[in-house]
Protein backbone atom coordinates (compact mmCIF):
# COMPACT_ATOMS: atom_id res chain seq x y z
CA MET A 1 -9.92 84.49 -101.83
CA GLY A 2 -10.60 80.93 -100.23
CA TRP A 3 -7.56 80.89 -98.00
CA LEU A 4 -7.84 84.37 -96.88
CA ASP A 5 -11.51 83.13 -96.15
CA ASN A 6 -10.11 80.15 -94.13
CA LEU A 7 -8.40 81.90 -92.41
CA CYS A 8 -10.59 84.47 -90.91
CA SER A 9 -12.77 81.87 -89.71
CA TRP A 10 -9.80 80.32 -88.06
CA LEU A 11 -9.23 83.76 -86.57
CA GLN A 12 -13.12 84.55 -85.33
CA SER A 13 -13.05 80.72 -83.57
CA LEU A 14 -9.79 82.36 -81.22
CA SER A 15 -10.18 84.58 -78.55
CA PRO A 16 -10.80 88.21 -79.25
CA VAL A 17 -7.25 89.38 -77.56
CA LEU A 18 -5.37 86.63 -79.68
CA ALA A 19 -7.59 87.00 -83.16
CA MET A 20 -6.56 90.97 -82.70
CA ALA A 21 -2.97 90.20 -81.94
CA LEU A 22 -2.58 87.67 -85.18
CA SER A 23 -4.39 89.87 -87.25
CA THR A 24 -2.62 92.92 -86.44
CA LEU A 25 1.02 90.48 -87.05
CA ALA A 26 -0.55 89.72 -90.06
CA ALA A 27 -0.75 93.18 -91.09
CA LEU A 28 2.64 94.27 -90.05
CA PHE A 29 4.14 91.39 -92.33
CA TRP A 30 1.83 92.73 -94.99
CA ALA A 31 2.94 96.14 -94.79
CA LEU A 32 7.19 95.34 -94.78
CA PHE A 33 6.85 93.12 -97.82
CA ALA A 34 5.28 95.99 -99.49
CA GLN A 35 7.91 98.13 -98.08
CA VAL A 36 10.59 95.94 -98.92
CA LEU A 37 9.11 95.77 -102.89
CA VAL A 38 9.23 99.58 -102.54
CA VAL A 39 12.55 100.03 -100.91
CA GLY A 40 14.28 97.08 -102.93
CA PHE A 41 12.54 97.65 -106.71
CA GLY A 42 12.02 101.46 -106.43
CA LEU A 43 8.33 100.70 -107.54
CA PRO A 44 5.95 103.75 -107.17
CA LEU A 45 3.25 101.17 -105.56
CA ALA A 46 -0.05 102.24 -104.40
CA ILE A 47 -2.04 99.79 -103.22
CA GLN A 48 -4.65 99.34 -100.70
CA LEU A 49 -6.60 96.71 -100.01
CA VAL A 50 -9.47 96.76 -97.50
CA TYR A 51 -11.08 93.57 -96.12
CA GLN A 52 -14.07 93.90 -93.89
CA GLU A 53 -14.77 90.75 -91.92
CA PRO A 54 -17.55 90.31 -89.61
CA SER A 55 -17.39 88.96 -86.05
CA ILE A 56 -19.36 88.29 -82.95
CA PRO A 57 -19.72 91.15 -81.46
CA THR A 58 -18.34 93.38 -83.33
CA ASP A 59 -17.26 94.06 -86.80
CA ARG A 60 -13.46 94.45 -87.39
CA PHE A 61 -12.65 96.82 -90.21
CA VAL A 62 -8.81 96.50 -91.73
CA THR A 63 -7.35 98.37 -94.00
CA TYR A 64 -3.46 98.14 -95.54
CA GLY A 65 -2.37 100.84 -97.50
CA LEU A 66 0.95 101.72 -98.89
CA TYR A 67 1.28 104.77 -100.94
CA SER A 68 4.80 105.08 -102.35
CA ASP A 69 7.50 105.28 -99.41
CA LYS A 70 4.70 105.29 -96.58
CA VAL A 71 2.71 102.35 -94.90
CA TYR A 72 -0.09 102.41 -92.98
CA ILE A 73 -2.03 99.69 -91.42
CA GLU A 74 -5.33 100.58 -89.57
CA ILE A 75 -7.52 98.56 -87.89
CA ALA A 76 -10.85 99.22 -86.16
CA TYR A 77 -13.26 97.38 -84.13
CA LEU A 78 -16.60 98.17 -84.37
CA LYS A 79 -19.83 98.28 -82.40
CA PRO A 80 -23.10 96.21 -83.78
CA LYS A 81 -24.71 99.45 -84.64
CA GLY A 82 -21.75 101.05 -86.67
CA GLU A 83 -19.73 102.97 -84.01
CA ILE A 84 -15.94 102.93 -83.44
CA CYS A 85 -15.17 101.10 -79.93
CA SER A 86 -11.30 100.73 -80.88
CA HIS A 87 -9.44 102.38 -83.48
CA VAL A 88 -5.30 101.56 -84.54
CA ARG A 89 -3.29 103.21 -86.98
CA LEU A 90 0.23 102.37 -87.66
């Protein structure tokens, strides 16, 4: 996934607040696109994409999930020792 790695490198070069905002917008776009597939085509989709990206000083763990007609996005920022310092589920 070369383009995804390039995107993540670019996000890491931004300020943490801006990077989180852009990541959240990208996750919302993915969820809406997946929802259109389910509603528009009636596909019984069960898609889950898990991507863990290292960043400094925290690790960001982002999970996008789609189960039939339910869409969720989870974004968690982890401290270096693996403790969750913030968590968002949309």
